[in-house]
């Protein structure tokens, strides 16, 4: 096990808003605008959270024209969210 990598993932998830965002992105891939609408937070705050999640390897961005759609691609993270919802 890569303890540093796993620790970085857990640190990224250790914020209530990022947990909420990851849970939402597992259910429905969406862009920054949709996340802003759903959370009511400023775009800059959402972008900072997305940056942390991307850096930890939790999210993968996908360009669709001028829009970027975010996907949760880390299987362990999906399992963590599922366990938290149980």
N, C-alpha and C. Protein backbone atom coordinates (compact mmCIF):
# COMPACT_ATOMS: atom_id res chain seq x y z
N UNK A 1 0.85 -1.18 0.00
CA UNK A 1 0.00 0.00 0.00
C UNK A 1 0.89 1.24 0.00
N UNK A 2 0.49 2.22 -0.78
CA UNK A 2 1.18 3.51 -0.81
C UNK A 2 0.51 4.40 0.23
N UNK A 3 1.10 4.43 1.43
CA UNK A 3 0.47 5.15 2.55
C UNK A 3 0.34 6.65 2.28
N UNK A 4 1.30 7.22 1.61
CA UNK A 4 1.22 8.66 1.31
C UNK A 4 0.04 8.96 0.38
N UNK A 5 -0.10 8.16 -0.66
CA UNK A 5 -1.18 8.37 -1.62
C UNK A 5 -2.55 8.18 -0.95
N UNK A 6 -2.67 7.12 -0.15
CA UNK A 6 -3.94 6.86 0.53
C UNK A 6 -4.26 7.97 1.53
N UNK A 7 -3.25 8.46 2.22
CA UNK A 7 -3.42 9.57 3.16
C UNK A 7 -3.86 10.84 2.44
N UNK A 8 -3.29 11.11 1.28
CA UNK A 8 -3.68 12.29 0.50
C UNK A 8 -5.14 12.21 0.07
N UNK A 9 -5.59 11.01 -0.29
CA UNK A 9 -6.99 10.82 -0.67
C UNK A 9 -7.90 11.10 0.52
N UNK A 10 -7.55 10.55 1.67
CA UNK A 10 -8.37 10.75 2.86
C UNK A 10 -8.38 12.22 3.29
N UNK A 11 -7.25 12.89 3.16
CA UNK A 11 -7.19 14.32 3.48
C UNK A 11 -8.11 15.12 2.56
N UNK A 12 -8.10 14.77 1.28
CA UNK A 12 -8.95 15.48 0.32
C UNK A 12 -10.43 15.26 0.64
N UNK A 13 -10.77 14.08 1.13
CA UNK A 13 -12.16 13.78 1.46
C UNK A 13 -12.57 14.32 2.84
N UNK A 14 -11.61 14.78 3.63
CA UNK A 14 -11.87 15.17 5.00
C UNK A 14 -12.47 16.56 5.15
N UNK A 15 -13.20 17.00 4.18
CA UNK A 15 -13.90 18.29 4.23
C UNK A 15 -15.36 18.02 3.87
N UNK A 16 -16.29 18.51 4.66
CA UNK A 16 -17.71 18.21 4.40
C UNK A 16 -18.18 18.56 2.99
N UNK A 17 -17.74 19.70 2.47
CA UNK A 17 -18.19 20.10 1.13
C UNK A 17 -17.59 19.20 0.06
N UNK A 18 -16.34 18.81 0.22
CA UNK A 18 -15.75 17.92 -0.77
C UNK A 18 -16.41 16.54 -0.73
N UNK A 19 -16.75 16.06 0.47
CA UNK A 19 -17.49 14.80 0.55
C UNK A 19 -18.81 14.92 -0.18
N UNK A 20 -19.51 16.03 0.04
CA UNK A 20 -20.79 16.26 -0.62
C UNK A 20 -20.63 16.32 -2.14
N UNK A 21 -19.58 17.01 -2.58
CA UNK A 21 -19.33 17.13 -4.02
C UNK A 21 -19.03 15.78 -4.64
N UNK A 22 -18.18 14.98 -3.97
CA UNK A 22 -17.83 13.66 -4.50
C UNK A 22 -19.07 12.78 -4.57
N UNK A 23 -19.87 12.80 -3.52
CA UNK A 23 -21.10 12.00 -3.53
C UNK A 23 -21.99 12.42 -4.70
N UNK A 24 -22.14 13.72 -4.90
CA UNK A 24 -22.96 14.21 -6.00
C UNK A 24 -22.41 13.85 -7.36
N UNK A 25 -21.07 13.89 -7.49
CA UNK A 25 -20.45 13.58 -8.78
C UNK A 25 -20.47 12.08 -9.09
N UNK A 26 -20.58 11.26 -8.07
CA UNK A 26 -20.74 9.82 -8.31
C UNK A 26 -22.11 9.57 -8.91
N UNK A 27 -23.11 10.28 -8.41
CA UNK A 27 -24.49 10.10 -8.89
C UNK A 27 -24.72 10.76 -10.24
N UNK A 28 -24.11 11.95 -10.43
CA UNK A 28 -24.39 12.73 -11.63
C UNK A 28 -23.15 13.55 -12.00
N UNK A 29 -22.50 13.21 -13.12
CA UNK A 29 -21.34 13.98 -13.58
C UNK A 29 -21.83 15.38 -13.93
N UNK A 30 -21.08 16.37 -13.52
CA UNK A 30 -21.50 17.72 -13.88
C UNK A 30 -20.34 18.69 -13.88
N UNK A 31 -20.64 19.90 -14.28
CA UNK A 31 -19.62 20.92 -14.39
C UNK A 31 -19.68 21.88 -13.20
N UNK A 32 -18.78 22.86 -13.19
CA UNK A 32 -18.69 23.82 -12.10
C UNK A 32 -20.00 24.57 -11.92
N UNK A 33 -20.63 24.97 -13.00
CA UNK A 33 -21.87 25.74 -12.93
C UNK A 33 -22.96 24.96 -12.18
N UNK A 34 -23.11 23.69 -12.50
CA UNK A 34 -24.10 22.86 -11.81
C UNK A 34 -23.78 22.72 -10.33
N UNK A 35 -22.50 22.55 -10.02
CA UNK A 35 -22.10 22.40 -8.62
C UNK A 35 -22.37 23.68 -7.86
N UNK A 36 -22.09 24.82 -8.47
CA UNK A 36 -22.37 26.12 -7.85
C UNK A 36 -23.87 26.25 -7.57
N UNK A 37 -24.69 25.87 -8.55
CA UNK A 37 -26.15 25.95 -8.38
C UNK A 37 -26.63 25.06 -7.25
N UNK A 38 -26.07 23.85 -7.15
CA UNK A 38 -26.51 22.89 -6.13
C UNK A 38 -26.03 23.25 -4.73
N UNK A 39 -24.84 23.85 -4.63
CA UNK A 39 -24.28 24.14 -3.31
C UNK A 39 -24.51 25.57 -2.84
N UNK A 40 -24.66 26.49 -3.78
CA UNK A 40 -24.80 27.89 -3.42
C UNK A 40 -23.48 28.56 -3.07
N UNK A 41 -22.38 27.85 -3.26
CA UNK A 41 -21.06 28.43 -2.98
C UNK A 41 -20.54 29.17 -4.20
N UNK A 42 -19.63 30.12 -4.00
CA UNK A 42 -19.05 30.85 -5.13
C UNK A 42 -18.24 29.92 -6.04
N UNK A 43 -18.18 30.29 -7.30
CA UNK A 43 -17.46 29.50 -8.30
C UNK A 43 -16.00 29.32 -7.90
N UNK A 44 -15.38 30.34 -7.35
CA UNK A 44 -13.96 30.24 -6.97
C UNK A 44 -13.75 29.20 -5.88
N UNK A 45 -14.67 29.11 -4.94
CA UNK A 45 -14.57 28.12 -3.86
C UNK A 45 -14.72 26.71 -4.42
N UNK A 46 -15.69 26.53 -5.31
CA UNK A 46 -15.91 25.22 -5.94
C UNK A 46 -14.67 24.82 -6.73
N UNK A 47 -14.09 25.74 -7.46
CA UNK A 47 -12.90 25.46 -8.25
C UNK A 47 -11.73 25.03 -7.37
N UNK A 48 -11.58 25.67 -6.20
CA UNK A 48 -10.52 25.28 -5.28
C UNK A 48 -10.73 23.85 -4.78
N UNK A 49 -11.96 23.52 -4.40
CA UNK A 49 -12.27 22.16 -3.95
C UNK A 49 -12.03 21.14 -5.07
N UNK A 50 -12.45 21.46 -6.27
CA UNK A 50 -12.23 20.55 -7.40
C UNK A 50 -10.74 20.34 -7.65
N UNK A 51 -9.95 21.39 -7.50
CA UNK A 51 -8.50 21.29 -7.67
C UNK A 51 -7.88 20.33 -6.67
N UNK A 52 -8.33 20.38 -5.43
CA UNK A 52 -7.83 19.48 -4.40
C UNK A 52 -8.21 18.04 -4.72
N UNK A 53 -9.44 17.85 -5.16
CA UNK A 53 -9.91 16.50 -5.50
C UNK A 53 -9.18 15.94 -6.72
N UNK A 54 -8.91 16.79 -7.70
CA UNK A 54 -8.16 16.35 -8.89
C UNK A 54 -6.72 16.00 -8.52
N UNK A 55 -6.11 16.83 -7.71
CA UNK A 55 -4.71 16.59 -7.30
C UNK A 55 -4.58 15.27 -6.56
N UNK A 56 -5.59 14.91 -5.78
CA UNK A 56 -5.57 13.65 -5.03
C UNK A 56 -5.89 12.45 -5.92
N UNK A 57 -6.26 12.70 -7.17
CA UNK A 57 -6.57 11.61 -8.10
C UNK A 57 -7.97 11.06 -7.96
N UNK A 58 -8.84 11.82 -7.33
CA UNK A 58 -10.22 11.37 -7.10
C UNK A 58 -11.11 11.67 -8.30
N UNK A 59 -10.87 12.81 -8.93
CA UNK A 59 -11.69 13.24 -10.07
C UNK A 59 -10.88 13.24 -11.35
N UNK A 60 -11.59 13.02 -12.44
CA UNK A 60 -11.01 13.17 -13.76
C UNK A 60 -11.88 14.15 -14.55
N UNK A 61 -11.28 15.22 -15.06
CA UNK A 61 -12.05 16.16 -15.88
C UNK A 61 -12.15 15.66 -17.31
N UNK A 62 -13.28 15.97 -17.93
CA UNK A 62 -13.49 15.62 -19.34
C UNK A 62 -14.01 16.86 -20.05
N UNK A 63 -13.28 17.30 -21.07
CA UNK A 63 -13.68 18.49 -21.83
C UNK A 63 -14.78 18.14 -22.82
N UNK A 64 -15.83 18.95 -22.83
CA UNK A 64 -16.90 18.84 -23.82
C UNK A 64 -17.11 20.24 -24.38
N UNK A 65 -16.39 20.54 -25.43
CA UNK A 65 -16.43 21.89 -25.98
C UNK A 65 -15.74 22.83 -25.01
N UNK A 66 -16.46 23.87 -24.57
CA UNK A 66 -15.89 24.81 -23.61
C UNK A 66 -16.19 24.39 -22.17
N UNK A 67 -16.98 23.36 -22.01
CA UNK A 67 -17.39 22.89 -20.69
C UNK A 67 -16.49 21.74 -20.22
N UNK A 68 -16.22 21.71 -18.92
CA UNK A 68 -15.48 20.60 -18.32
C UNK A 68 -16.41 19.85 -17.39
N UNK A 69 -16.55 18.56 -17.63
CA UNK A 69 -17.40 17.69 -16.82
C UNK A 69 -16.49 16.85 -15.93
N UNK A 70 -16.86 16.71 -14.67
CA UNK A 70 -16.02 15.98 -13.71
C UNK A 70 -16.62 14.62 -13.38
N UNK A 71 -15.74 13.60 -13.32
CA UNK A 71 -16.14 12.22 -13.02
C UNK A 71 -15.31 11.71 -11.85
N UNK A 72 -15.95 10.97 -10.96
CA UNK A 72 -15.22 10.28 -9.90
C UNK A 72 -14.74 8.97 -10.51
N UNK A 73 -13.43 8.83 -10.62
CA UNK A 73 -12.86 7.67 -11.29
C UNK A 73 -12.11 6.74 -10.35
N UNK A 74 -12.03 7.12 -9.10
CA UNK A 74 -11.27 6.33 -8.13
C UNK A 74 -12.21 5.34 -7.43
N UNK A 75 -12.01 4.05 -7.70
CA UNK A 75 -12.92 3.02 -7.18
C UNK A 75 -12.95 2.95 -5.66
N UNK A 76 -11.79 3.12 -5.01
CA UNK A 76 -11.77 3.10 -3.54
C UNK A 76 -12.61 4.23 -2.96
N UNK A 77 -12.55 5.39 -3.60
CA UNK A 77 -13.33 6.53 -3.12
C UNK A 77 -14.82 6.23 -3.26
N UNK A 78 -15.21 5.61 -4.37
CA UNK A 78 -16.61 5.23 -4.54
C UNK A 78 -17.05 4.28 -3.42
N UNK A 79 -16.18 3.34 -3.05
CA UNK A 79 -16.49 2.41 -1.97
C UNK A 79 -16.58 3.13 -0.63
N UNK A 80 -15.70 4.09 -0.39
CA UNK A 80 -15.74 4.87 0.85
C UNK A 80 -17.06 5.61 0.96
N UNK A 81 -17.48 6.27 -0.11
CA UNK A 81 -18.74 7.01 -0.10
C UNK A 81 -19.90 6.06 0.12
N UNK A 82 -19.87 4.92 -0.53
CA UNK A 82 -20.93 3.91 -0.36
C UNK A 82 -20.99 3.45 1.10
N UNK A 83 -19.83 3.21 1.71
CA UNK A 83 -19.80 2.77 3.11
C UNK A 83 -20.32 3.86 4.05
N UNK A 84 -20.01 5.11 3.76
CA UNK A 84 -20.50 6.21 4.59
C UNK A 84 -22.01 6.37 4.50
N UNK A 85 -22.58 5.99 3.36
CA UNK A 85 -24.03 6.08 3.16
C UNK A 85 -24.79 4.89 3.74
N UNK A 86 -24.07 3.84 4.11
CA UNK A 86 -24.72 2.61 4.60
C UNK A 86 -25.27 2.78 6.01
